Protein backbone atom coordinates (compact mmCIF):
# COMPACT_ATOMS: atom_id res chain seq x y z
CA MET A 1 16.83 -8.24 24.72
CA LEU A 2 18.53 -6.93 27.83
CA ALA A 3 22.29 -7.12 27.60
CA LEU A 4 24.74 -6.61 30.44
CA ALA A 5 28.27 -5.73 29.43
CA VAL A 6 30.77 -5.93 32.24
CA SER A 7 33.19 -3.13 32.98
CA LEU A 8 36.14 -4.49 34.93
CA ALA A 9 37.99 -1.20 35.08
CA SER A 10 38.89 -0.04 38.57
CA CYS A 11 36.21 2.27 39.94
CA GLY A 12 37.25 4.08 43.09
CA GLY A 13 35.15 4.99 46.08
CA GLY A 14 33.48 3.09 48.82
CA GLY A 15 30.00 1.67 48.84
CA GLY A 16 27.25 4.28 48.50
CA GLY A 17 24.10 4.85 50.49
CA ASP A 18 21.09 2.61 50.54
CA SER A 19 18.53 2.86 47.76
CA SER A 20 14.83 2.67 48.49
CA ALA A 21 15.08 -0.96 47.46
CA GLY A 22 17.29 -1.43 50.47
CA GLY A 23 20.57 -3.24 50.91
CA GLY A 24 20.34 -6.98 51.17
CA THR A 25 22.04 -8.95 53.92
CA GLY A 26 22.52 -12.62 53.21
CA GLY A 27 22.90 -16.01 54.77
CA ASP A 28 25.09 -18.94 53.86
CA GLY A 29 26.24 -19.41 50.30
CA GLY A 30 29.17 -20.67 48.32
CA GLY A 31 32.40 -18.85 47.56
CA THR A 32 35.48 -17.74 49.43
CA GLY A 33 36.72 -14.44 50.79
CA GLN A 34 37.26 -12.67 54.10
CA PRO A 35 37.21 -15.17 57.00
CA GLY A 36 34.87 -14.78 59.94
CA VAL A 37 32.27 -12.68 58.10
CA THR A 38 28.83 -12.69 59.73
CA SER A 39 26.92 -10.49 57.27
CA VAL A 40 27.17 -9.27 53.69
CA THR A 41 25.24 -6.23 52.50
CA VAL A 42 24.78 -5.18 48.88
CA GLN A 43 23.84 -1.56 48.29
CA TRP A 44 22.83 -0.09 44.94
CA THR A 45 24.41 3.27 44.13
CA ALA A 46 23.38 3.65 40.47
CA PRO A 47 20.89 4.02 39.02
CA ALA A 48 18.76 5.50 41.80
CA ALA A 49 15.64 3.59 42.77
CA ARG A 50 12.76 4.27 40.37
CA ASP A 51 14.95 6.54 38.28
CA VAL A 52 13.90 7.19 34.68
CA VAL A 53 16.75 7.19 32.19
CA THR A 54 16.94 7.40 28.43
CA ALA A 55 17.58 4.21 26.50
CA GLY A 56 20.08 4.02 23.68
CA SER A 57 23.37 4.55 25.48
CA ALA A 58 25.15 2.40 28.04
CA LEU A 59 23.68 2.73 31.52
CA THR A 60 25.97 2.30 34.48
CA LEU A 61 24.97 -0.27 37.09
CA ARG A 62 26.91 0.16 40.31
CA ALA A 63 26.62 -1.75 43.58
CA GLY A 64 28.69 -1.58 46.74
CA VAL A 65 29.45 -4.61 48.91
CA LEU A 66 29.99 -4.44 52.67
CA ALA A 67 31.26 -7.35 54.75
CA ASP A 68 30.45 -6.77 58.41
CA GLY A 69 29.99 -3.07 57.63
CA VAL A 70 33.27 -2.43 55.79
CA ASN A 71 34.15 -2.59 52.10
CA ALA A 72 34.52 -6.12 50.81
CA ALA A 73 37.98 -7.09 49.58
CA ASP A 74 38.94 -6.02 46.08
CA GLY A 75 38.07 -8.69 43.55
CA THR A 76 34.85 -9.77 45.26
CA VAL A 77 32.50 -11.09 42.59
CA VAL A 78 29.18 -9.27 42.19
CA SER A 79 26.57 -10.93 40.01
CA PHE A 80 24.04 -8.75 38.17
CA SER A 81 20.93 -10.46 36.85
CA ALA A 82 18.00 -8.92 35.01
CA ALA A 83 14.41 -10.06 35.25
CA THR A 84 14.71 -11.17 31.62
CA GLY A 85 17.12 -13.89 32.74
CA VAL A 86 20.31 -12.30 31.39
CA SER A 87 23.13 -12.13 33.91
CA THR A 88 26.82 -11.28 34.23
CA SER A 89 29.35 -10.49 36.93
CA ALA A 90 31.93 -7.85 37.83
CA LEU A 91 34.70 -7.51 40.43
CA THR A 92 34.77 -4.94 43.20
CA SER A 93 37.37 -2.22 43.50
CA SER A 94 37.30 -0.21 46.74
CA GLY A 95 34.10 -2.03 47.60
CA VAL A 96 32.24 -1.19 44.38
CA ALA A 97 31.46 -3.27 41.27
CA THR A 98 30.37 -1.66 38.02
CA ALA A 99 28.65 -3.06 34.93
CA SER A 100 27.01 -1.49 31.89
CA LEU A 101 23.50 -2.14 30.68
CA THR A 102 22.94 -1.78 26.94
CA GLY A 103 20.30 -2.82 24.46
CA ALA A 104 17.43 -2.88 26.92
CA THR A 105 13.84 -2.62 25.74
CA PRO A 106 12.26 0.59 27.11
CA GLY A 107 9.98 0.18 30.09
CA ARG A 108 10.22 -1.12 33.64
CA GLN A 109 13.52 -2.78 34.52
CA GLN A 110 14.42 -4.90 37.54
CA VAL A 111 18.01 -5.98 38.16
CA GLN A 112 19.38 -7.91 41.15
CA ALA A 113 22.94 -7.59 42.45
CA SER A 114 24.37 -10.28 44.72
CA ALA A 115 27.75 -11.08 46.27
CA THR A 116 29.19 -13.86 48.42
CA VAL A 117 31.96 -13.32 50.98
CA ALA A 118 33.28 -16.14 53.19
CA GLY A 119 30.20 -18.24 52.59
CA ARG A 120 27.77 -15.41 53.30
CA THR A 121 25.61 -14.00 50.49
CA GLY A 122 23.88 -10.64 50.29
CA SER A 123 21.68 -9.29 47.53
CA ALA A 124 19.54 -6.30 46.61
CA SER A 125 17.29 -5.58 43.65
CA GLN A 126 16.71 -2.25 41.98
CA THR A 127 13.73 -1.14 39.90
CA PHE A 128 14.09 1.68 37.40
CA TYR A 129 12.74 2.71 34.01
CA LEU A 130 14.16 3.14 30.54
CA ARG A 131 12.37 5.50 28.18
CA PRO A 132 12.90 5.85 24.42
CA ALA A 133 14.98 8.81 23.28
CA PRO A 134 12.59 11.79 23.44
CA ALA A 135 11.29 13.81 20.50
CA PRO A 136 11.01 17.62 20.77
CA LEU A 137 7.99 18.99 22.60
CA ARG A 138 4.97 19.88 20.48
CA VAL A 139 2.24 22.38 21.32
CA LEU A 140 -1.36 21.08 21.45
CA VAL A 141 -3.90 23.93 21.65
CA PRO A 142 -7.55 23.34 22.59
CA ALA A 143 -8.68 26.16 20.26
CA TYR A 144 -12.29 26.16 21.44
CA PHE A 145 -12.70 29.92 20.94
CA TYR A 146 -14.89 31.18 18.09
CA PRO A 147 -12.90 33.33 15.62
CA THR A 148 -14.64 36.68 16.06
CA GLY A 149 -13.69 39.45 18.47
CA ALA A 150 -11.22 38.19 21.07
CA GLY A 151 -11.43 34.76 19.49
CA ALA A 152 -10.29 36.14 16.14
CA THR A 153 -7.36 37.81 17.89
CA ALA A 154 -6.44 34.46 19.43
CA TRP A 155 -6.60 32.63 16.10
CA ASN A 156 -4.47 35.35 14.52
CA ALA A 157 -1.92 34.88 17.32
CA LEU A 158 -1.90 31.14 16.67
CA ALA A 159 -1.14 31.67 12.99
CA ALA A 160 1.51 34.30 13.74
CA SER A 161 3.26 31.99 16.22
CA ALA A 162 3.21 29.06 13.82
CA GLN A 163 4.71 31.28 11.12
CA ALA A 164 7.40 32.73 13.39
CA ASN A 165 8.39 29.45 15.04
CA PRO A 166 8.68 26.77 12.35
CA ASN A 167 10.79 24.61 14.69
CA VAL A 168 7.94 24.36 17.21
CA GLN A 169 5.26 22.05 15.87
CA MET A 170 1.80 23.36 16.70
CA THR A 171 -1.49 21.49 16.53
CA ALA A 172 -4.82 23.21 17.16
CA ILE A 173 -8.00 21.34 18.01
CA LEU A 174 -10.74 22.60 15.72
CA ASN A 175 -14.05 22.61 17.56
CA PRO A 176 -17.05 23.90 15.59
CA ALA A 177 -20.25 23.57 17.65
CA ASN A 178 -18.64 21.05 20.02
CA GLY A 179 -17.91 18.83 17.04
CA ILE A 180 -21.58 18.40 16.11
CA PHE A 181 -22.45 20.44 13.03
CA SER A 182 -24.19 20.06 9.69
CA GLY A 183 -22.44 22.66 7.57
CA PRO A 184 -19.31 24.78 7.27
CA ASP A 185 -18.75 28.01 9.18
CA ALA A 186 -17.04 30.68 7.10
CA ASN A 187 -15.30 32.29 10.09
CA ILE A 188 -13.90 28.96 11.24
CA THR A 189 -12.81 28.04 7.73
CA ARG A 190 -11.00 31.35 7.35
CA ALA A 191 -9.18 31.10 10.71
CA ALA A 192 -8.30 27.44 10.27
CA THR A 193 -6.97 28.01 6.76
CA ALA A 194 -4.75 30.87 7.92
CA PHE A 195 -3.33 28.70 10.70
CA ALA A 196 -2.69 25.78 8.36
CA ASN A 197 -1.07 28.04 5.77
CA ALA A 198 1.26 29.32 8.51
CA GLY A 199 2.48 25.79 9.17
CA GLY A 200 0.06 24.67 11.87
CA GLN A 201 -1.77 21.34 12.01
CA LEU A 202 -5.49 20.94 12.69
CA VAL A 203 -7.38 18.04 14.25
CA GLY A 204 -11.14 17.88 14.61
CA TYR A 205 -12.83 17.68 18.00
CA VAL A 206 -15.12 14.68 18.59
CA SER A 207 -16.91 13.94 21.86
CA SER A 208 -17.23 10.26 22.77
CA SER A 209 -19.05 10.48 26.16
CA TYR A 210 -16.63 7.97 27.72
CA GLY A 211 -17.99 5.15 25.57
CA THR A 212 -21.11 4.88 27.70
CA GLY A 213 -23.47 4.70 24.73
CA THR A 214 -24.77 8.24 25.20
CA ARG A 215 -23.09 8.88 21.86
CA SER A 216 -23.41 5.98 19.45
CA LEU A 217 -20.63 4.79 17.22
CA ALA A 218 -22.73 5.81 14.21
CA SER A 219 -23.11 9.39 15.47
CA ILE A 220 -19.38 9.68 16.10
CA GLN A 221 -18.63 8.34 12.63
CA ALA A 222 -21.04 10.92 11.20
CA ASN A 223 -19.16 13.69 13.04
CA ILE A 224 -15.90 12.46 11.56
CA ASP A 225 -17.40 12.40 8.07
CA ASN A 226 -18.74 15.95 8.48
CA TYR A 227 -15.27 17.34 9.11
CA PHE A 228 -14.16 16.06 5.72
CA THR A 229 -17.38 17.07 4.00
CA HIS A 230 -17.46 20.64 5.32
CA TYR A 231 -13.81 21.49 6.08
CA GLY A 232 -11.91 19.07 3.87
CA ALA A 233 -9.03 16.66 4.17
CA GLY A 234 -6.71 19.50 3.21
CA LEU A 235 -7.38 21.14 6.59
CA VAL A 236 -8.28 18.27 8.90
CA LYS A 237 -5.26 16.05 9.56
CA GLY A 238 -6.68 13.97 12.39
CA PHE A 239 -9.06 13.87 15.33
CA PHE A 240 -9.10 14.64 19.02
CA ILE A 241 -11.35 12.07 20.68
CA ASP A 242 -12.48 13.78 23.87
CA GLU A 243 -14.06 12.16 26.92
CA MET A 244 -12.25 8.92 26.25
CA ALA A 245 -12.77 6.12 28.74
CA ALA A 246 -9.80 4.58 30.54
CA THR A 247 -10.99 1.07 31.42
CA THR A 248 -10.70 -2.24 29.61
CA ASN A 249 -14.44 -2.72 29.11
CA ARG A 250 -14.62 0.27 26.71
CA LEU A 251 -11.64 -0.66 24.56
CA ASP A 252 -13.61 -2.24 21.72
CA PHE A 253 -15.67 0.94 21.30
CA TYR A 254 -12.54 3.06 20.86
CA ARG A 255 -10.91 0.47 18.65
CA SER A 256 -13.85 0.82 16.29
CA ILE A 257 -13.43 4.61 16.19
CA TYR A 258 -9.70 4.30 15.60
CA GLN A 259 -10.13 1.78 12.80
CA TYR A 260 -12.81 3.93 11.17
CA ILE A 261 -10.49 6.93 11.06
CA LYS A 262 -7.46 4.95 9.86
CA ALA A 263 -9.51 3.33 7.10
CA LYS A 264 -10.05 6.80 5.66
CA ASN A 265 -6.35 7.60 5.73
CA PRO A 266 -3.72 5.77 7.79
CA ASN A 267 -1.78 9.04 8.09
CA LEU A 268 -4.56 10.73 10.06
CA ILE A 269 -3.48 11.26 13.66
CA VAL A 270 -5.78 10.15 16.47
CA ILE A 271 -5.37 11.88 19.83
CA GLY A 272 -7.37 10.31 22.65
CA ASN A 273 -8.21 12.24 25.79
CA PRO A 274 -8.97 10.16 28.88
CA GLY A 275 -7.34 13.00 30.85
CA LEU A 276 -5.47 10.45 32.97
CA VAL A 277 -3.40 7.35 32.47
CA PRO A 278 -5.65 4.60 31.07
CA VAL A 279 -5.03 0.87 30.99
CA ALA A 280 -2.27 -0.12 28.58
CA GLY A 281 -4.63 -1.30 25.84
CA TYR A 282 -5.49 2.30 24.97
CA ALA A 283 -2.04 2.71 23.44
CA ASP A 284 -3.40 0.60 20.57
CA VAL A 285 -6.50 2.74 19.93
CA ALA A 286 -4.86 6.18 19.74
CA ASP A 287 -1.63 7.54 18.33
CA VAL A 288 -1.37 10.01 21.22
CA LEU A 289 -2.95 9.77 24.67
CA THR A 290 -3.66 12.83 26.81
CA THR A 291 -2.53 11.25 30.05
CA PHE A 292 -2.98 14.43 32.08
CA GLU A 293 -5.65 17.12 31.98
CA GLY A 294 -5.98 19.18 35.12
CA LYS A 295 -4.70 21.89 37.43
CA GLY A 296 -1.10 22.95 37.62
CA SER A 297 -1.03 22.12 41.33
CA THR A 298 -1.94 18.53 40.50
CA TYR A 299 0.54 18.40 37.64
CA ALA A 300 3.33 19.26 40.06
CA THR A 301 2.85 15.87 41.73
CA TYR A 302 2.08 13.85 38.58
CA ASP A 303 4.18 10.69 38.61
CA PRO A 304 3.31 7.60 36.54
CA ARG A 305 5.84 5.60 38.56
CA THR A 306 3.54 5.69 41.59
CA THR A 307 0.70 3.94 39.76
CA SER A 308 0.16 0.60 38.13
CA PHE A 309 0.42 2.46 34.83
CA ASP A 310 4.20 2.72 34.63
CA TRP A 311 3.84 1.06 31.22
CA LEU A 312 3.94 4.62 29.85
CA TYR A 313 7.73 4.54 29.96
CA GLY A 314 7.74 1.96 27.20
CA LEU A 315 6.14 4.48 24.81
CA PRO A 316 7.87 7.35 23.02
CA ASN A 317 7.07 10.74 24.54
CA SER A 318 5.42 11.67 21.23
CA HIS A 319 2.57 9.34 22.23
CA GLN A 320 1.68 11.34 25.36
CA ALA A 321 0.18 14.79 25.93
CA SER A 322 -0.49 17.05 28.92
CA LEU A 323 -3.12 19.83 29.09
CA VAL A 324 -2.51 21.96 32.17
CA HIS A 325 -4.72 24.80 33.43
CA ASN A 326 -4.85 27.03 36.52
CA VAL A 327 -1.15 27.87 36.09
CA SER A 328 -0.78 31.46 37.22
CA GLY A 329 2.21 33.42 35.96
CA CYS A 330 5.03 32.94 33.48
CA ALA A 331 7.47 31.37 35.96
CA ALA A 332 4.96 28.67 36.94
CA MET A 333 4.25 28.04 33.26
CA GLN A 334 7.95 27.51 32.58
CA THR A 335 8.16 25.04 35.44
CA ALA A 336 5.25 23.08 33.96
CA VAL A 337 6.86 23.00 30.50
CA GLN A 338 10.18 21.84 31.90
CA SER A 339 8.37 19.16 33.90
CA ALA A 340 6.57 17.92 30.79
CA ALA A 341 9.91 17.54 29.01
CA SER A 342 11.51 15.64 31.88
CA ALA A 343 12.08 11.90 31.89
CA ARG A 344 9.63 11.39 34.74
CA TYR A 345 6.72 13.12 32.99
CA GLN A 346 7.58 11.73 29.54
CA ALA A 347 5.21 14.11 27.69
CA GLY A 348 5.71 15.04 24.05
CA TRP A 349 2.76 17.41 23.63
CA ILE A 350 2.04 20.26 26.04
CA TYR A 351 -0.34 23.15 26.63
CA VAL A 352 -0.33 25.40 29.68
CA THR A 353 -2.74 28.23 30.56
CA GLN A 354 -3.60 30.48 33.48
CA LEU A 355 -7.31 30.17 32.64
CA GLU A 356 -9.16 28.25 35.30
CA PHE A 357 -11.50 25.33 35.71
CA GLU A 358 -12.67 23.66 38.89
CA PRO A 359 -13.42 19.98 38.18
CA SER A 360 -15.37 19.47 41.40
CA THR A 361 -17.95 22.13 40.46
CA GLY A 362 -17.61 22.34 36.69
CA VAL A 363 -17.06 26.09 36.97
CA GLY A 364 -14.74 27.80 34.50
CA ASN A 365 -13.45 27.26 30.98
CA PRO A 366 -9.69 26.87 30.60
CA TRP A 367 -9.92 26.68 26.80
CA ALA A 368 -11.86 29.92 26.24
CA GLY A 369 -8.80 31.71 24.86
CA LEU A 370 -5.04 31.65 24.68
CA PRO A 371 -3.06 32.13 27.90
CA ASN A 372 -1.96 35.67 28.73
CA TYR A 373 1.64 34.42 28.48
CA TRP A 374 1.13 32.79 25.08
CA ASP A 375 4.23 34.23 23.40
CA ALA A 376 6.39 33.35 26.42
CA PHE A 377 4.91 29.84 26.40
CA VAL A 378 5.88 29.26 22.77
CA GLN A 379 9.38 30.64 23.38
CA THR A 380 9.70 28.44 26.46
CA VAL A 381 8.88 25.34 24.42
CA ARG A 382 11.35 26.45 21.74
CA ALA A 383 14.11 27.03 24.32
CA THR A 384 13.39 23.71 26.05
CA ASN A 385 13.70 21.83 22.76
CA ALA A 386 16.93 23.63 21.95
CA GLY A 387 18.43 23.03 25.40
CA GLN A 388 18.70 26.77 25.97
CA ALA A 389 18.08 28.94 29.02
CA MET A 390 14.50 29.90 29.73
CA PRO A 391 13.44 33.22 28.17
CA ALA A 392 12.92 36.08 30.60
CA CYS A 393 9.40 36.51 31.93
CA SER A 394 8.18 40.06 31.38
């Protein structure tokens, strides 16, 4: 439940600037105060409109009150009320009233502040988001490169990085023959085993064709079974369900896949890849959702708050992944990693590469190898998790 704990301590400073929610100017109401007042304006100063903050500690709510454009008298009552129905009040000091929000359930929050001066009431509401305390970033590698030649070099680099960075959890997506195979491949087994022995985690690639029926549930279940038959439960710790739909009408199809996997072992991880933010029901048919797959230029403007899918902020970041390609250069990669770790992006799994793909034409393959800044990428994730300065780009 949302709880509002009032702080009545004197908080200096005048009323702050308008939020995007706007300051509210009111009409007649009850109460007493400065005589001859014609308008009362309430202006939110904290948190900022549509801000994303971490739940678990007290969050300051602060609103300024102006009566005819000047600070309301000290001791003016400001009422704070949450959409959940919980409310409380605080007194102004130097035109500002402060309260603390604690115990809120993560997700979208809406709180209204109102004040009455000399029979005039003003109010303003503020919308913001609380997210659960974040887990460290994990690396999710679409390891779609065959382990011979340059591909073998890439798999060796994966294993070496997992060995050298035990504090950075790495998961590689195993993809023999696009997930459709009838027997083991010795090269893949060897590379996958080395990666797992180094501390990495493997999930098997499964195409679902967006639940259109092009791939039947039976064929997908057979693919899942083949991973265990030919590579073993000792290697395969979950599944990456690619080409996942995002709409409500396909949910039952993906629920069946999820239940089939969990019936084998409830500890198996299921990563779904719609490549964008799906409807909220998909949070129940995957343990992790890849809510972004695309170019770095698009990732720079990614913002779940601007969509109807701001429900993401109610999930831990460990339930969300980003796969970002067309990111040229180490500095741009570091920006993408830092963005993923931010409250706004709320990602817990990340992969960034300079390799290119053009969705409009289907040209390119961003998962054909590791990025040319692979080592710097891993060190950037490590530094981000540790709260350290970014490593130098060579």
